[in-house]
All heavy atoms as atom14 arrays in JSON, in Angstrom:
{
  "sequence": "DSVKGRFTISRDNAKNTVYLQMDSLKPEDTAVYFCNARTVLYHYWGQG",
  "atom14_mask": [
    [1, 1, 1, 1, 1, 1, 1, 1, 0, 0, 0, 0, 0, 0],
    [1, 1, 1, 1, 1, 1, 0, 0, 0, 0, 0, 0, 0, 0],
    [1, 1, 1, 1, 1, 1, 1, 0, 0, 0, 0, 0, 0, 0],
    [1, 1, 1, 1, 1, 1, 1, 1, 1, 0, 0, 0, 0, 0],
    [1, 1, 1, 1, 0, 0, 0, 0, 0, 0, 0, 0, 0, 0],
    [1, 1, 1, 1, 1, 1, 1, 1, 1, 1, 1, 0, 0, 0],
    [1, 1, 1, 1, 1, 1, 1, 1, 1, 1, 1, 0, 0, 0],
    [1, 1, 1, 1, 1, 1, 1, 0, 0, 0, 0, 0, 0, 0],
    [1, 1, 1, 1, 1, 1, 1, 1, 0, 0, 0, 0, 0, 0],
    [1, 1, 1, 1, 1, 1, 0, 0, 0, 0, 0, 0, 0, 0],
    [1, 1, 1, 1, 1, 1, 1, 1, 1, 1, 1, 0, 0, 0],
    [1, 1, 1, 1, 1, 1, 1, 1, 0, 0, 0, 0, 0, 0],
    [1, 1, 1, 1, 1, 1, 1, 1, 0, 0, 0, 0, 0, 0],
    [1, 1, 1, 1, 1, 0, 0, 0, 0, 0, 0, 0, 0, 0],
    [1, 1, 1, 1, 1, 1, 1, 1, 1, 0, 0, 0, 0, 0],
    [1, 1, 1, 1, 1, 1, 1, 1, 0, 0, 0, 0, 0, 0],
    [1, 1, 1, 1, 1, 1, 1, 0, 0, 0, 0, 0, 0, 0],
    [1, 1, 1, 1, 1, 1, 1, 0, 0, 0, 0, 0, 0, 0],
    [1, 1, 1, 1, 1, 1, 1, 1, 1, 1, 1, 1, 0, 0],
    [1, 1, 1, 1, 1, 1, 1, 1, 0, 0, 0, 0, 0, 0],
    [1, 1, 1, 1, 1, 1, 1, 1, 1, 0, 0, 0, 0, 0],
    [1, 1, 1, 1, 1, 1, 1, 1, 0, 0, 0, 0, 0, 0],
    [1, 1, 1, 1, 1, 1, 1, 1, 0, 0, 0, 0, 0, 0],
    [1, 1, 1, 1, 1, 1, 0, 0, 0, 0, 0, 0, 0, 0],
    [1, 1, 1, 1, 1, 1, 1, 1, 0, 0, 0, 0, 0, 0],
    [1, 1, 1, 1, 1, 1, 1, 1, 1, 0, 0, 0, 0, 0],
    [1, 1, 1, 1, 1, 1, 1, 0, 0, 0, 0, 0, 0, 0],
    [1, 1, 1, 1, 1, 1, 1, 1, 1, 0, 0, 0, 0, 0],
    [1, 1, 1, 1, 1, 1, 1, 1, 0, 0, 0, 0, 0, 0],
    [1, 1, 1, 1, 1, 1, 1, 0, 0, 0, 0, 0, 0, 0],
    [1, 1, 1, 1, 1, 0, 0, 0, 0, 0, 0, 0, 0, 0],
    [1, 1, 1, 1, 1, 1, 1, 0, 0, 0, 0, 0, 0, 0],
    [1, 1, 1, 1, 1, 1, 1, 1, 1, 1, 1, 1, 0, 0],
    [1, 1, 1, 1, 1, 1, 1, 1, 1, 1, 1, 0, 0, 0],
    [1, 1, 1, 1, 1, 1, 0, 0, 0, 0, 0, 0, 0, 0],
    [1, 1, 1, 1, 1, 1, 1, 1, 0, 0, 0, 0, 0, 0],
    [1, 1, 1, 1, 1, 0, 0, 0, 0, 0, 0, 0, 0, 0],
    [1, 1, 1, 1, 1, 1, 1, 1, 1, 1, 1, 0, 0, 0],
    [1, 1, 1, 1, 1, 1, 1, 0, 0, 0, 0, 0, 0, 0],
    [1, 1, 1, 1, 1, 1, 1, 0, 0, 0, 0, 0, 0, 0],
    [1, 1, 1, 1, 1, 1, 1, 1, 0, 0, 0, 0, 0, 0],
    [1, 1, 1, 1, 1, 1, 1, 1, 1, 1, 1, 1, 0, 0],
    [1, 1, 1, 1, 1, 1, 1, 1, 1, 1, 0, 0, 0, 0],
    [1, 1, 1, 1, 1, 1, 1, 1, 1, 1, 1, 1, 0, 0],
    [1, 1, 1, 1, 1, 1, 1, 1, 1, 1, 1, 1, 1, 1],
    [1, 1, 1, 1, 0, 0, 0, 0, 0, 0, 0, 0, 0, 0],
    [1, 1, 1, 1, 1, 1, 1, 1, 1, 0, 0, 0, 0, 0],
    [1, 1, 1, 1, 0, 0, 0, 0, 0, 0, 0, 0, 0, 0]
  ],
  "atom14_positions": [
    [[8.42, -10.18, 0.74], [9.17, -10.68, 1.84], [9.84, -9.7, 2.75], [9.97, -9.78, 3.84], [10.24, -11.62, 1.23], [9.65, -12.95, 0.72], [8.5, -13.22, 1.02], [10.34, -13.67, -0.04], [0.0, 0.0, 0.0], [0.0, 0.0, 0.0], [0.0, 0.0, 0.0], [0.0, 0.0, 0.0], [0.0, 0.0, 0.0], [0.0, 0.0, 0.0]],
    [[10.24, -8.49, 2.1], [11.02, -7.6, 2.81], [10.14, -6.79, 3.87], [10.76, -6.15, 4.7], [11.64, -6.58, 1.8], [10.74, -5.91, 1.1], [0.0, 0.0, 0.0], [0.0, 0.0, 0.0], [0.0, 0.0, 0.0], [0.0, 0.0, 0.0], [0.0, 0.0, 0.0], [0.0, 0.0, 0.0], [0.0, 0.0, 0.0], [0.0, 0.0, 0.0]],
    [[8.9, -6.97, 3.73], [8.11, -6.13, 4.7], [7.16, -7.03, 5.58], [6.43, -6.49, 6.45], [7.16, -5.07, 3.88], [7.98, -4.22, 2.95], [6.06, -5.84, 3.13], [0.0, 0.0, 0.0], [0.0, 0.0, 0.0], [0.0, 0.0, 0.0], [0.0, 0.0, 0.0], [0.0, 0.0, 0.0], [0.0, 0.0, 0.0], [0.0, 0.0, 0.0]],
    [[7.18, -8.32, 5.34], [6.43, -9.21, 6.15], [6.69, -9.04, 7.58], [7.87, -9.06, 8.02], [6.71, -10.66, 5.64], [5.99, -11.06, 4.41], [6.22, -12.54, 4.03], [5.6, -12.97, 2.73], [5.87, -14.19, 2.29], [0.0, 0.0, 0.0], [0.0, 0.0, 0.0], [0.0, 0.0, 0.0], [0.0, 0.0, 0.0], [0.0, 0.0, 0.0]],
    [[5.64, -9.02, 8.44], [5.84, -8.8, 9.89], [5.92, -7.39, 10.29], [5.92, -7.15, 11.52], [0.0, 0.0, 0.0], [0.0, 0.0, 0.0], [0.0, 0.0, 0.0], [0.0, 0.0, 0.0], [0.0, 0.0, 0.0], [0.0, 0.0, 0.0], [0.0, 0.0, 0.0], [0.0, 0.0, 0.0], [0.0, 0.0, 0.0], [0.0, 0.0, 0.0]],
    [[6.1, -6.48, 9.37], [6.35, -5.07, 9.68], [5.21, -4.17, 9.16], [4.81, -3.18, 9.83], [7.7, -4.43, 9.25], [8.89, -5.26, 9.71], [10.14, -4.56, 9.37], [10.32, -4.56, 7.87], [10.52, -3.46, 7.16], [10.44, -2.23, 7.82], [10.77, -3.53, 5.88], [0.0, 0.0, 0.0], [0.0, 0.0, 0.0], [0.0, 0.0, 0.0]],
    [[4.69, -4.54, 7.96], [3.71, -3.77, 7.3], [2.37, -4.53, 7.33], [2.34, -5.77, 7.25], [4.08, -3.49, 5.8], [5.17, -2.51, 5.64], [6.02, -2.08, 6.64], [5.45, -2.07, 4.34], [7.04, -1.24, 6.48], [6.49, -1.11, 4.13], [7.37, -0.81, 5.21], [0.0, 0.0, 0.0], [0.0, 0.0, 0.0], [0.0, 0.0, 0.0]],
    [[1.23, -3.76, 7.41], [-0.09, -4.41, 7.36], [-0.96, -3.61, 6.42], [-1.14, -2.4, 6.65], [-0.71, -4.46, 8.79], [0.19, -5.08, 9.65], [-2.05, -5.09, 8.71], [0.0, 0.0, 0.0], [0.0, 0.0, 0.0], [0.0, 0.0, 0.0], [0.0, 0.0, 0.0], [0.0, 0.0, 0.0], [0.0, 0.0, 0.0], [0.0, 0.0, 0.0]],
    [[-1.6, -4.29, 5.51], [-2.5, -3.64, 4.56], [-3.86, -4.04, 5.02], [-4.13, -5.08, 5.46], [-2.27, -4.15, 3.1], [-3.08, -3.21, 2.13], [-2.63, -5.63, 2.97], [-2.71, -3.49, 0.66], [0.0, 0.0, 0.0], [0.0, 0.0, 0.0], [0.0, 0.0, 0.0], [0.0, 0.0, 0.0], [0.0, 0.0, 0.0], [0.0, 0.0, 0.0]],
    [[-4.86, -2.96, 4.93], [-6.19, -3.12, 5.23], [-7.01, -2.28, 4.32], [-6.58, -1.44, 3.64], [-6.41, -2.9, 6.68], [-6.16, -1.53, 6.92], [0.0, 0.0, 0.0], [0.0, 0.0, 0.0], [0.0, 0.0, 0.0], [0.0, 0.0, 0.0], [0.0, 0.0, 0.0], [0.0, 0.0, 0.0], [0.0, 0.0, 0.0], [0.0, 0.0, 0.0]],
    [[-8.41, -2.49, 4.27], [-9.25, -1.72, 3.53], [-10.56, -1.52, 4.27], [-10.96, -2.32, 5.04], [-9.52, -2.48, 2.12], [-10.25, -3.86, 2.28], [-10.16, -4.47, 0.97], [-10.93, -3.97, -0.07], [-10.84, -4.26, -1.38], [-10.0, -5.16, -1.81], [-11.7, -3.65, -2.26], [0.0, 0.0, 0.0], [0.0, 0.0, 0.0], [0.0, 0.0, 0.0]],
    [[-11.07, -0.32, 4.06], [-12.38, 0.06, 4.61], [-13.27, 0.34, 3.48], [-13.25, 1.53, 2.89], [-12.15, 1.28, 5.53], [-13.48, 1.63, 6.31], [-14.62, 1.29, 5.82], [-13.4, 2.24, 7.38], [0.0, 0.0, 0.0], [0.0, 0.0, 0.0], [0.0, 0.0, 0.0], [0.0, 0.0, 0.0], [0.0, 0.0, 0.0], [0.0, 0.0, 0.0]],
    [[-14.13, -0.57, 3.06], [-14.9, -0.32, 1.89], [-16.03, 0.79, 2.12], [-16.41, 1.37, 1.09], [-15.71, -1.67, 1.53], [-14.6, -2.77, 1.04], [-13.71, -2.39, 0.49], [-14.89, -4.05, 1.5], [0.0, 0.0, 0.0], [0.0, 0.0, 0.0], [0.0, 0.0, 0.0], [0.0, 0.0, 0.0], [0.0, 0.0, 0.0], [0.0, 0.0, 0.0]],
    [[-16.41, 0.95, 3.32], [-17.44, 2.06, 3.6], [-16.76, 3.31, 3.37], [-17.48, 4.39, 2.94], [-17.81, 1.84, 5.0], [0.0, 0.0, 0.0], [0.0, 0.0, 0.0], [0.0, 0.0, 0.0], [0.0, 0.0, 0.0], [0.0, 0.0, 0.0], [0.0, 0.0, 0.0], [0.0, 0.0, 0.0], [0.0, 0.0, 0.0], [0.0, 0.0, 0.0]],
    [[-15.38, 3.54, 3.48], [-14.76, 4.78, 3.3], [-13.95, 4.85, 1.89], [-13.33, 5.78, 1.58], [-13.75, 5.16, 4.41], [-14.49, 5.26, 5.75], [-13.4, 5.57, 6.78], [-14.14, 5.84, 8.13], [-13.2, 6.11, 9.22], [0.0, 0.0, 0.0], [0.0, 0.0, 0.0], [0.0, 0.0, 0.0], [0.0, 0.0, 0.0], [0.0, 0.0, 0.0]],
    [[-14.17, 3.77, 1.13], [-13.46, 3.68, -0.12], [-11.9, 3.86, 0.0], [-11.29, 4.5, -0.86], [-13.96, 4.67, -1.18], [-15.41, 4.37, -1.53], [-15.89, 3.28, -1.41], [-16.07, 5.37, -2.07], [0.0, 0.0, 0.0], [0.0, 0.0, 0.0], [0.0, 0.0, 0.0], [0.0, 0.0, 0.0], [0.0, 0.0, 0.0], [0.0, 0.0, 0.0]],
    [[-11.43, 3.2, 1.03], [-10.06, 3.57, 1.49], [-9.25, 2.27, 1.76], [-9.82, 1.3, 2.28], [-9.97, 4.39, 2.61], [-10.68, 5.64, 2.4], [-8.63, 4.8, 3.07], [0.0, 0.0, 0.0], [0.0, 0.0, 0.0], [0.0, 0.0, 0.0], [0.0, 0.0, 0.0], [0.0, 0.0, 0.0], [0.0, 0.0, 0.0], [0.0, 0.0, 0.0]],
    [[-8.12, 2.38, 1.26], [-6.96, 1.23, 1.64], [-5.92, 1.88, 2.31], [-5.6, 3.06, 2.15], [-6.58, 0.45, 0.39], [-5.76, 1.39, -0.6], [-5.76, -0.75, 0.76], [0.0, 0.0, 0.0], [0.0, 0.0, 0.0], [0.0, 0.0, 0.0], [0.0, 0.0, 0.0], [0.0, 0.0, 0.0], [0.0, 0.0, 0.0], [0.0, 0.0, 0.0]],
    [[-5.42, 1.06, 3.42], [-4.32, 1.63, 4.37], [-3.09, 0.69, 4.2], [-3.22, -0.38, 3.87], [-4.88, 1.65, 5.72], [-6.09, 2.48, 5.94], [-7.33, 1.86, 6.07], [-6.08, 3.85, 6.11], [-8.46, 2.54, 6.29], [-7.17, 4.56, 6.31], [-8.47, 3.94, 6.42], [-9.58, 4.63, 6.67], [0.0, 0.0, 0.0], [0.0, 0.0, 0.0]],
    [[-2.04, 1.29, 4.5], [-0.69, 0.61, 4.69], [-0.19, 1.13, 5.96], [0.48, 2.2, 6.14], [0.23, 0.71, 3.49], [1.44, -0.08, 3.63], [1.04, -1.6, 3.42], [2.51, 0.34, 2.64], [0.0, 0.0, 0.0], [0.0, 0.0, 0.0], [0.0, 0.0, 0.0], [0.0, 0.0, 0.0], [0.0, 0.0, 0.0], [0.0, 0.0, 0.0]],
    [[-0.27, 0.28, 7.05], [0.44, 0.57, 8.3], [1.79, 0.1, 8.31], [2.05, -1.09, 8.0], [-0.35, -0.11, 9.44], [0.3, 0.04, 10.75], [0.28, 1.5, 11.25], [-0.77, 2.24, 11.13], [1.37, 1.98, 11.8], [0.0, 0.0, 0.0], [0.0, 0.0, 0.0], [0.0, 0.0, 0.0], [0.0, 0.0, 0.0], [0.0, 0.0, 0.0]],
    [[2.81, 0.93, 8.37], [4.22, 0.55, 8.34], [4.89, 0.81, 9.63], [4.98, 2.02, 10.08], [4.8, 1.44, 7.19], [4.23, 1.29, 5.87], [5.01, 2.15, 4.61], [4.89, 3.92, 5.23], [0.0, 0.0, 0.0], [0.0, 0.0, 0.0], [0.0, 0.0, 0.0], [0.0, 0.0, 0.0], [0.0, 0.0, 0.0], [0.0, 0.0, 0.0]],
    [[5.31, -0.25, 10.21], [6.06, -0.2, 11.48], [7.46, -0.73, 11.39], [7.88, -1.36, 10.36], [5.23, -1.13, 12.48], [3.86, -0.69, 12.8], [3.61, 0.51, 12.87], [2.93, -1.61, 12.8], [0.0, 0.0, 0.0], [0.0, 0.0, 0.0], [0.0, 0.0, 0.0], [0.0, 0.0, 0.0], [0.0, 0.0, 0.0], [0.0, 0.0, 0.0]],
    [[8.31, -0.45, 12.41], [9.64, -0.81, 12.31], [10.33, -0.45, 11.07], [11.02, -1.23, 10.45], [9.82, -2.31, 12.62], [9.19, -2.73, 13.84], [0.0, 0.0, 0.0], [0.0, 0.0, 0.0], [0.0, 0.0, 0.0], [0.0, 0.0, 0.0], [0.0, 0.0, 0.0], [0.0, 0.0, 0.0], [0.0, 0.0, 0.0], [0.0, 0.0, 0.0]],
    [[10.11, 0.85, 10.62], [10.63, 1.29, 9.42], [12.14, 1.29, 9.31], [12.83, 1.53, 10.37], [10.2, 2.61, 9.06], [8.66, 2.68, 8.55], [8.01, 3.96, 8.72], [8.62, 2.22, 7.02], [0.0, 0.0, 0.0], [0.0, 0.0, 0.0], [0.0, 0.0, 0.0], [0.0, 0.0, 0.0], [0.0, 0.0, 0.0], [0.0, 0.0, 0.0]],
    [[12.68, 0.93, 8.13], [14.14, 0.9, 7.97], [14.52, 1.98, 6.87], [13.76, 2.25, 6.02], [14.54, -0.49, 7.52], [14.18, -1.59, 8.42], [14.44, -3.0, 7.89], [14.07, -4.09, 8.79], [14.42, -5.36, 8.28], [0.0, 0.0, 0.0], [0.0, 0.0, 0.0], [0.0, 0.0, 0.0], [0.0, 0.0, 0.0], [0.0, 0.0, 0.0]],
    [[15.81, 2.28, 6.87], [16.18, 3.17, 5.7], [15.96, 2.67, 4.35], [15.56, 3.43, 3.43], [17.69, 3.41, 5.96], [17.84, 3.24, 7.4], [16.82, 2.08, 7.85], [0.0, 0.0, 0.0], [0.0, 0.0, 0.0], [0.0, 0.0, 0.0], [0.0, 0.0, 0.0], [0.0, 0.0, 0.0], [0.0, 0.0, 0.0], [0.0, 0.0, 0.0]],
    [[16.07, 1.41, 4.21], [15.74, 0.77, 2.86], [14.26, 0.77, 2.51], [13.95, 0.41, 1.33], [16.31, -0.59, 2.81], [15.91, -1.51, 3.98], [16.88, -1.65, 5.07], [17.48, -0.6, 5.43], [17.08, -2.7, 5.58], [0.0, 0.0, 0.0], [0.0, 0.0, 0.0], [0.0, 0.0, 0.0], [0.0, 0.0, 0.0], [0.0, 0.0, 0.0]],
    [[13.34, 1.28, 3.41], [12.03, 1.48, 3.04], [11.83, 2.79, 2.28], [10.65, 3.06, 1.86], [11.17, 1.32, 4.27], [11.06, -0.06, 4.89], [11.01, -1.07, 4.13], [11.26, -0.12, 6.14], [0.0, 0.0, 0.0], [0.0, 0.0, 0.0], [0.0, 0.0, 0.0], [0.0, 0.0, 0.0], [0.0, 0.0, 0.0], [0.0, 0.0, 0.0]],
    [[12.8, 3.59, 2.26], [12.69, 4.95, 1.67], [12.26, 4.78, 0.13], [13.03, 4.03, -0.53], [14.03, 5.72, 1.83], [14.15, 6.0, 3.16], [13.93, 7.03, 0.98], [0.0, 0.0, 0.0], [0.0, 0.0, 0.0], [0.0, 0.0, 0.0], [0.0, 0.0, 0.0], [0.0, 0.0, 0.0], [0.0, 0.0, 0.0], [0.0, 0.0, 0.0]],
    [[11.26, 5.4, -0.23], [10.8, 5.26, -1.69], [9.57, 6.15, -1.84], [9.07, 6.66, -0.87], [10.45, 3.78, -1.98], [0.0, 0.0, 0.0], [0.0, 0.0, 0.0], [0.0, 0.0, 0.0], [0.0, 0.0, 0.0], [0.0, 0.0, 0.0], [0.0, 0.0, 0.0], [0.0, 0.0, 0.0], [0.0, 0.0, 0.0], [0.0, 0.0, 0.0]],
    [[9.18, 6.26, -3.01], [7.85, 6.74, -3.31], [6.85, 5.7, -3.36], [7.07, 4.62, -4.02], [7.79, 7.54, -4.72], [6.38, 8.0, -5.01], [8.74, 8.72, -4.68], [0.0, 0.0, 0.0], [0.0, 0.0, 0.0], [0.0, 0.0, 0.0], [0.0, 0.0, 0.0], [0.0, 0.0, 0.0], [0.0, 0.0, 0.0], [0.0, 0.0, 0.0]],
    [[5.86, 5.79, -2.6], [4.84, 4.71, -2.53], [3.55, 5.09, -3.26], [3.06, 6.23, -3.19], [4.36, 4.53, -1.07], [5.51, 3.76, -0.21], [6.66, 4.38, 0.0], [5.28, 2.44, 0.19], [7.67, 3.72, 0.74], [6.3, 1.79, 0.89], [7.45, 2.36, 1.14], [8.42, 1.73, 1.81], [0.0, 0.0, 0.0], [0.0, 0.0, 0.0]],
    [[3.12, 4.23, -4.14], [2.02, 4.29, -5.06], [0.88, 3.44, -4.66], [1.0, 2.22, -4.54], [2.43, 4.12, -6.49], [3.4, 4.88, -7.1], [4.77, 4.65, -6.85], [3.06, 6.07, -7.71], [5.75, 5.61, -7.36], [3.96, 6.99, -8.31], [5.34, 6.73, -8.07], [0.0, 0.0, 0.0], [0.0, 0.0, 0.0], [0.0, 0.0, 0.0]],
    [[-0.31, 3.98, -4.65], [-1.58, 3.15, -4.5], [-1.9, 2.67, -5.9], [-1.78, 3.22, -6.85], [-2.67, 4.12, -3.98], [-4.28, 3.2, -3.69], [0.0, 0.0, 0.0], [0.0, 0.0, 0.0], [0.0, 0.0, 0.0], [0.0, 0.0, 0.0], [0.0, 0.0, 0.0], [0.0, 0.0, 0.0], [0.0, 0.0, 0.0], [0.0, 0.0, 0.0]],
    [[-2.49, 1.33, -5.9], [-2.85, 0.69, -7.13], [-4.12, 0.01, -6.91], [-4.43, -0.52, -5.74], [-1.79, -0.41, -7.4], [-2.25, -1.33, -8.59], [-2.8, -2.35, -8.35], [-2.02, -0.91, -9.83], [0.0, 0.0, 0.0], [0.0, 0.0, 0.0], [0.0, 0.0, 0.0], [0.0, 0.0, 0.0], [0.0, 0.0, 0.0], [0.0, 0.0, 0.0]],
    [[-4.99, 0.21, -7.97], [-6.35, -0.61, -7.9], [-6.41, -1.31, -9.21], [-6.11, -0.7, -10.34], [-7.45, 0.37, -7.65], [0.0, 0.0, 0.0], [0.0, 0.0, 0.0], [0.0, 0.0, 0.0], [0.0, 0.0, 0.0], [0.0, 0.0, 0.0], [0.0, 0.0, 0.0], [0.0, 0.0, 0.0], [0.0, 0.0, 0.0], [0.0, 0.0, 0.0]],
    [[-6.91, -2.54, -9.26], [-6.9, -3.13, -10.58], [-8.26, -3.93, -10.7], [-8.93, -4.37, -9.73], [-5.81, -4.13, -10.75], [-5.72, -5.27, -9.69], [-4.44, -6.06, -10.07], [-4.33, -7.26, -9.16], [-3.67, -7.26, -8.07], [-3.02, -6.24, -7.68], [-3.54, -8.37, -7.26], [0.0, 0.0, 0.0], [0.0, 0.0, 0.0], [0.0, 0.0, 0.0]],
    [[-8.75, -3.9, -11.95], [-9.94, -4.66, -12.41], [-9.25, -5.71, -13.34], [-8.07, -5.83, -13.56], [-10.85, -3.83, -13.1], [-10.31, -3.34, -14.32], [-11.3, -2.66, -12.18], [0.0, 0.0, 0.0], [0.0, 0.0, 0.0], [0.0, 0.0, 0.0], [0.0, 0.0, 0.0], [0.0, 0.0, 0.0], [0.0, 0.0, 0.0], [0.0, 0.0, 0.0]],
    [[-10.18, -6.45, -14.02], [-9.73, -7.49, -14.95], [-9.02, -6.94, -16.07], [-7.99, -7.31, -16.63], [-10.92, -8.32, -15.45], [-10.47, -9.28, -16.66], [-11.58, -9.07, -14.39], [0.0, 0.0, 0.0], [0.0, 0.0, 0.0], [0.0, 0.0, 0.0], [0.0, 0.0, 0.0], [0.0, 0.0, 0.0], [0.0, 0.0, 0.0], [0.0, 0.0, 0.0]],
    [[-9.33, -5.63, -16.45], [-8.83, -4.91, -17.62], [-7.85, -3.81, -17.35], [-6.93, -3.57, -18.2], [-9.98, -4.39, -18.6], [-10.9, -5.42, -19.18], [-12.0, -4.67, -19.85], [-10.18, -6.44, -20.03], [0.0, 0.0, 0.0], [0.0, 0.0, 0.0], [0.0, 0.0, 0.0], [0.0, 0.0, 0.0], [0.0, 0.0, 0.0], [0.0, 0.0, 0.0]],
    [[-7.88, -3.25, -16.26], [-7.14, -1.96, -16.05], [-6.44, -1.98, -14.72], [-6.84, -2.57, -13.67], [-8.01, -0.74, -16.06], [-8.75, -0.49, -17.43], [-10.11, -0.73, -17.63], [-7.93, -0.18, -18.54], [-10.63, -0.51, -18.83], [-8.56, 0.07, -19.71], [-9.91, -0.11, -19.84], [-10.5, 0.12, -21.13], [0.0, 0.0, 0.0], [0.0, 0.0, 0.0]],
    [[-5.25, -1.3, -14.74], [-4.59, -0.9, -13.49], [-4.73, 0.66, -13.38], [-4.5, 1.35, -14.27], [-3.18, -1.25, -13.55], [-2.77, -2.7, -13.23], [-2.1, -3.0, -12.12], [-3.1, -3.84, -13.87], [-2.09, -4.36, -12.03], [-2.6, -4.88, -13.1], [0.0, 0.0, 0.0], [0.0, 0.0, 0.0], [0.0, 0.0, 0.0], [0.0, 0.0, 0.0]],
    [[-5.08, 1.04, -12.13], [-5.17, 2.52, -11.82], [-4.14, 2.78, -10.84], [-3.8, 1.97, -9.9], [-6.51, 2.85, -11.37], [-7.63, 2.58, -12.28], [-8.38, 1.4, -12.18], [-8.01, 3.46, -13.23], [-9.47, 1.12, -13.07], [-9.05, 3.14, -14.12], [-9.72, 1.96, -14.04], [-10.77, 1.72, -14.78], [0.0, 0.0, 0.0], [0.0, 0.0, 0.0]],
    [[-3.6, 4.01, -10.94], [-2.46, 4.44, -9.98], [-2.65, 5.86, -9.39], [-3.27, 6.66, -10.1], [-1.05, 4.49, -10.79], [-0.68, 3.22, -11.42], [-0.89, 2.73, -12.56], [0.1, 2.29, -10.62], [-0.33, 1.43, -12.61], [0.27, 1.16, -11.53], [0.62, 2.11, -9.39], [0.99, 0.01, -11.15], [1.34, 0.99, -9.03], [1.55, 0.0, -9.84]],
    [[-2.29, 5.99, -8.11], [-2.16, 7.21, -7.55], [-0.93, 8.01, -7.93], [-0.19, 7.53, -8.7], [0.0, 0.0, 0.0], [0.0, 0.0, 0.0], [0.0, 0.0, 0.0], [0.0, 0.0, 0.0], [0.0, 0.0, 0.0], [0.0, 0.0, 0.0], [0.0, 0.0, 0.0], [0.0, 0.0, 0.0], [0.0, 0.0, 0.0], [0.0, 0.0, 0.0]],
    [[-0.89, 9.33, -7.47], [0.25, 10.15, -7.81], [1.56, 9.86, -7.15], [2.57, 10.24, -7.43], [-0.21, 11.54, -7.63], [-0.09, 12.08, -6.23], [-1.16, 11.59, -5.3], [-2.14, 10.92, -5.76], [-1.14, 11.95, -4.03], [0.0, 0.0, 0.0], [0.0, 0.0, 0.0], [0.0, 0.0, 0.0], [0.0, 0.0, 0.0], [0.0, 0.0, 0.0]],
    [[1.37, 9.05, -6.02], [2.53, 8.69, -5.2], [2.74, 9.56, -4.03], [2.41, 10.79, -3.98], [0.0, 0.0, 0.0], [0.0, 0.0, 0.0], [0.0, 0.0, 0.0], [0.0, 0.0, 0.0], [0.0, 0.0, 0.0], [0.0, 0.0, 0.0], [0.0, 0.0, 0.0], [0.0, 0.0, 0.0], [0.0, 0.0, 0.0], [0.0, 0.0, 0.0]]
  ]
}
């Protein structure tokens, strides 16, 4: 809810890439952001 209307997630399967467009950023958005990918059995994480 805190990012609705400001952030947009998208994916480009041809490039094996997922994006997060972040607009109208606020100080409370400060954080380490981690990419996640999940299958039925596993969650995978990026380094942040």
